[in-house]
Amino acid sequence: MRSMTGIGTGRARKGKLAASVELRSVNHRFLDLVFRLPPAMGTLEMRLRERLSQEIDRGRISIALELEHADPVLQIELNEPFVEAYVRQARKLARRHGLLVNAR
């Protein structure tokens, strides 16, 4: 390794989950690990810290992880003839039982 300064990014997607990570390193006298993780991934920090400290002796390393959950877009197709027939029948029953005064 010739320099302790660098940046790297990566992205991955699996199913509905997408992750992106960015690592930045600069020269530093001691090992200084800085994490920006989603709240749900807080327990991951300790394991990352242990693993990185086994491989890296010094430098300021910033790790940023972002997660995105892609909800499927809800597509609704309205069967208008069915809905209109349903409304007609509901109004007919309402009139029969005196529930609507001005039902069309």
Foldseek 3Di string as FASTA:
>chain_A
DPAQFDKDKDWDDDDQKIKIKMKTWHFDPFEAEAEAEPPVCVVVVVVVVVVVVVPDGGIYMYMYMDMDGHDDDDDDDDPVVVVVVVLVVVLVVCVVVVNDDDRD
